Amino acid sequence: MVDVPNRPEYQSELFKQGLAVRREVLGGDYVDASLARANDFNAVFQQMTTEIAWGLCWARPGLDRKTRSMINLTMLSALNRGAELRLHLKAALTNGVSRDEIKEILMQVGAYCGIPAALESFKIATEVLAEYDEAQKKKG
């Protein structure tokens, strides 16, 4: 973990709480790089993302992280948000979502949101799972 850039946007307790969850789910390297790239124009967006999505939502006790990941995969697939889907597929694996569960989520997307949305999501998931497998091979 690197030090958080000293920006006024990054000082609230809610930001710090959200940052801890965000790092655990998405990985410290990814999150720290996002914060480090922020500038005077877009640091407020990092604040919003960290406080609202991660501090107010992901840190709540009402759903476990696995369930939240499953919901995110569904929403991101339905919205055709490929870059975010890629990121949250990795997070879902971290949060214990199985390949079979990912497959079933994407099938549900196909039934309710359309074949094109599911097709794109299956393509992305196939790539992410292959990358994940390759990284696991390198680890051990």
Protein backbone atom coordinates (compact mmCIF):
# COMPACT_ATOMS: atom_id res chain seq x y z
CA MET A 1 0.00 0.00 0.00
CA VAL A 2 1.31 3.42 -0.92
CA ASP A 3 0.50 6.67 0.76
CA VAL A 4 -2.67 8.33 -0.47
CA PRO A 5 -1.91 11.59 -2.27
CA ASN A 6 -2.42 14.51 0.07
CA ARG A 7 -5.51 16.04 -1.52
CA PRO A 8 -8.35 17.71 0.37
CA GLU A 9 -10.77 15.35 -1.40
CA TYR A 10 -9.14 12.34 0.25
CA GLN A 11 -9.33 13.36 3.92
CA SER A 12 -12.79 12.38 5.18
CA GLU A 13 -13.39 9.36 7.39
CA LEU A 14 -15.89 8.06 4.84
CA PHE A 15 -13.20 8.23 2.16
CA LYS A 16 -10.77 6.32 4.38
CA GLN A 17 -13.38 3.67 5.17
CA GLY A 18 -14.31 3.31 1.49
CA LEU A 19 -10.66 3.23 0.46
CA ALA A 20 -9.98 0.24 2.71
CA VAL A 21 -12.87 -1.71 1.17
CA ARG A 22 -12.00 -0.61 -2.36
CA ARG A 23 -8.42 -1.83 -1.95
CA GLU A 24 -9.56 -5.18 -0.53
CA VAL A 25 -12.00 -5.81 -3.37
CA LEU A 26 -10.20 -4.34 -6.39
CA GLY A 27 -6.60 -4.69 -5.25
CA GLY A 28 -4.31 -2.08 -3.78
CA ASP A 29 -2.17 -1.63 -6.89
CA TYR A 30 -5.17 -0.80 -9.08
CA VAL A 31 -6.73 1.59 -6.55
CA ASP A 32 -3.48 3.32 -5.64
CA ALA A 33 -2.68 3.86 -9.32
CA SER A 34 -6.14 5.38 -9.86
CA LEU A 35 -5.62 7.80 -6.99
CA ALA A 36 -2.11 8.67 -8.11
CA ARG A 37 -3.33 9.50 -11.65
CA ALA A 38 -5.99 11.88 -10.37
CA ASN A 39 -5.45 15.57 -10.96
CA ASP A 40 -7.11 18.81 -9.87
CA PHE A 41 -9.90 18.22 -12.38
CA ASN A 42 -10.87 14.62 -11.60
CA ALA A 43 -9.78 13.99 -7.98
CA VAL A 44 -13.31 14.84 -6.92
CA PHE A 45 -14.52 11.87 -8.98
CA GLN A 46 -12.14 9.58 -7.08
CA GLN A 47 -13.61 11.04 -3.90
CA MET A 48 -17.16 10.40 -5.10
CA THR A 49 -16.40 6.83 -6.17
CA THR A 50 -14.58 5.98 -2.97
CA GLU A 51 -17.05 7.61 -0.58
CA ILE A 52 -20.34 6.70 -2.25
CA ALA A 53 -19.73 3.35 -3.95
CA TRP A 54 -17.21 1.94 -1.50
CA GLY A 55 -17.85 3.81 1.77
CA LEU A 56 -21.63 4.11 1.71
CA CYS A 57 -22.52 1.02 -0.33
CA TRP A 58 -19.86 -1.71 -0.22
CA ALA A 59 -19.08 -1.11 3.46
CA ARG A 60 -22.71 -1.65 4.51
CA PRO A 61 -23.49 -4.84 6.43
CA GLY A 62 -26.72 -5.71 4.58
CA LEU A 63 -25.12 -7.83 1.83
CA ASP A 64 -21.88 -9.77 1.77
CA ARG A 65 -19.20 -8.94 -0.79
CA LYS A 66 -19.90 -12.01 -2.89
CA THR A 67 -23.53 -10.97 -3.31
CA ARG A 68 -22.54 -7.38 -4.11
CA SER A 69 -20.11 -8.69 -6.74
CA MET A 70 -22.82 -10.82 -8.31
CA ILE A 71 -25.16 -7.83 -8.48
CA ASN A 72 -22.42 -5.70 -10.03
CA LEU A 73 -21.71 -8.29 -12.72
CA THR A 74 -25.40 -8.29 -13.62
CA MET A 75 -25.73 -4.51 -13.75
CA LEU A 76 -22.49 -3.90 -15.64
CA SER A 77 -23.39 -6.59 -18.18
CA ALA A 78 -26.87 -5.15 -18.66
CA LEU A 79 -25.42 -1.68 -19.15
CA ASN A 80 -22.69 -2.91 -21.53
CA ARG A 81 -19.93 -1.37 -19.41
CA GLY A 82 -17.08 -3.60 -20.57
CA ALA A 83 -14.14 -1.93 -18.81
CA GLU A 84 -15.92 -1.91 -15.47
CA LEU A 85 -17.19 -5.45 -16.04
CA ARG A 86 -13.60 -6.61 -16.59
CA LEU A 87 -12.55 -4.98 -13.31
CA HIS A 88 -15.49 -6.38 -11.37
CA LEU A 89 -15.06 -9.89 -12.78
CA LYS A 90 -11.62 -9.90 -11.16
CA ALA A 91 -13.15 -8.56 -7.96
CA ALA A 92 -15.88 -11.21 -8.09
CA LEU A 93 -13.25 -13.95 -8.19
CA THR A 94 -11.56 -12.32 -5.20
CA ASN A 95 -14.92 -12.24 -3.42
CA GLY A 96 -15.58 -15.95 -3.96
CA VAL A 97 -17.89 -15.91 -6.99
CA SER A 98 -17.33 -19.18 -8.87
CA ARG A 99 -17.02 -19.63 -12.62
CA ASP A 100 -20.32 -21.49 -12.64
CA GLU A 101 -21.99 -18.62 -10.83
CA ILE A 102 -20.53 -16.13 -13.31
CA LYS A 103 -21.83 -18.27 -16.17
CA GLU A 104 -25.32 -18.39 -14.64
CA ILE A 105 -25.33 -14.64 -14.06
CA LEU A 106 -24.46 -14.03 -17.70
CA MET A 107 -27.12 -16.48 -18.85
CA GLN A 108 -29.67 -14.54 -16.78
CA VAL A 109 -28.46 -11.33 -18.43
CA GLY A 110 -29.03 -12.94 -21.83
CA ALA A 111 -32.59 -13.90 -20.93
CA TYR A 112 -33.59 -10.56 -19.46
CA CYS A 113 -31.31 -7.99 -21.10
CA GLY A 114 -30.68 -9.55 -24.48
CA ILE A 115 -28.26 -11.82 -26.26
CA PRO A 116 -25.93 -8.97 -27.39
CA ALA A 117 -25.35 -7.89 -23.78
CA ALA A 118 -24.65 -11.46 -22.70
CA LEU A 119 -22.44 -12.13 -25.72
CA GLU A 120 -20.19 -9.17 -24.93
CA SER A 121 -20.08 -10.13 -21.27
CA PHE A 122 -19.21 -13.76 -22.06
CA LYS A 123 -16.37 -12.55 -24.32
CA ILE A 124 -14.97 -10.35 -21.58
CA ALA A 125 -15.41 -13.03 -18.92
CA THR A 126 -13.62 -15.59 -21.09
CA GLU A 127 -10.64 -13.24 -21.42
CA VAL A 128 -10.60 -12.38 -17.71
CA LEU A 129 -10.79 -16.03 -16.67
CA ALA A 130 -7.92 -16.93 -19.01
CA GLU A 131 -5.84 -14.06 -17.58
CA TYR A 132 -6.72 -15.20 -14.06
CA ASP A 133 -5.68 -18.79 -14.84
CA GLU A 134 -2.38 -17.60 -16.29
CA ALA A 135 -1.67 -15.46 -13.22
CA GLN A 136 -2.48 -18.42 -10.95
CA LYS A 137 -0.01 -20.62 -12.90
CA LYS A 138 2.74 -18.02 -12.43
CA LYS A 139 2.06 -17.85 -8.68
CA GLY A 140 2.50 -21.49 -8.02
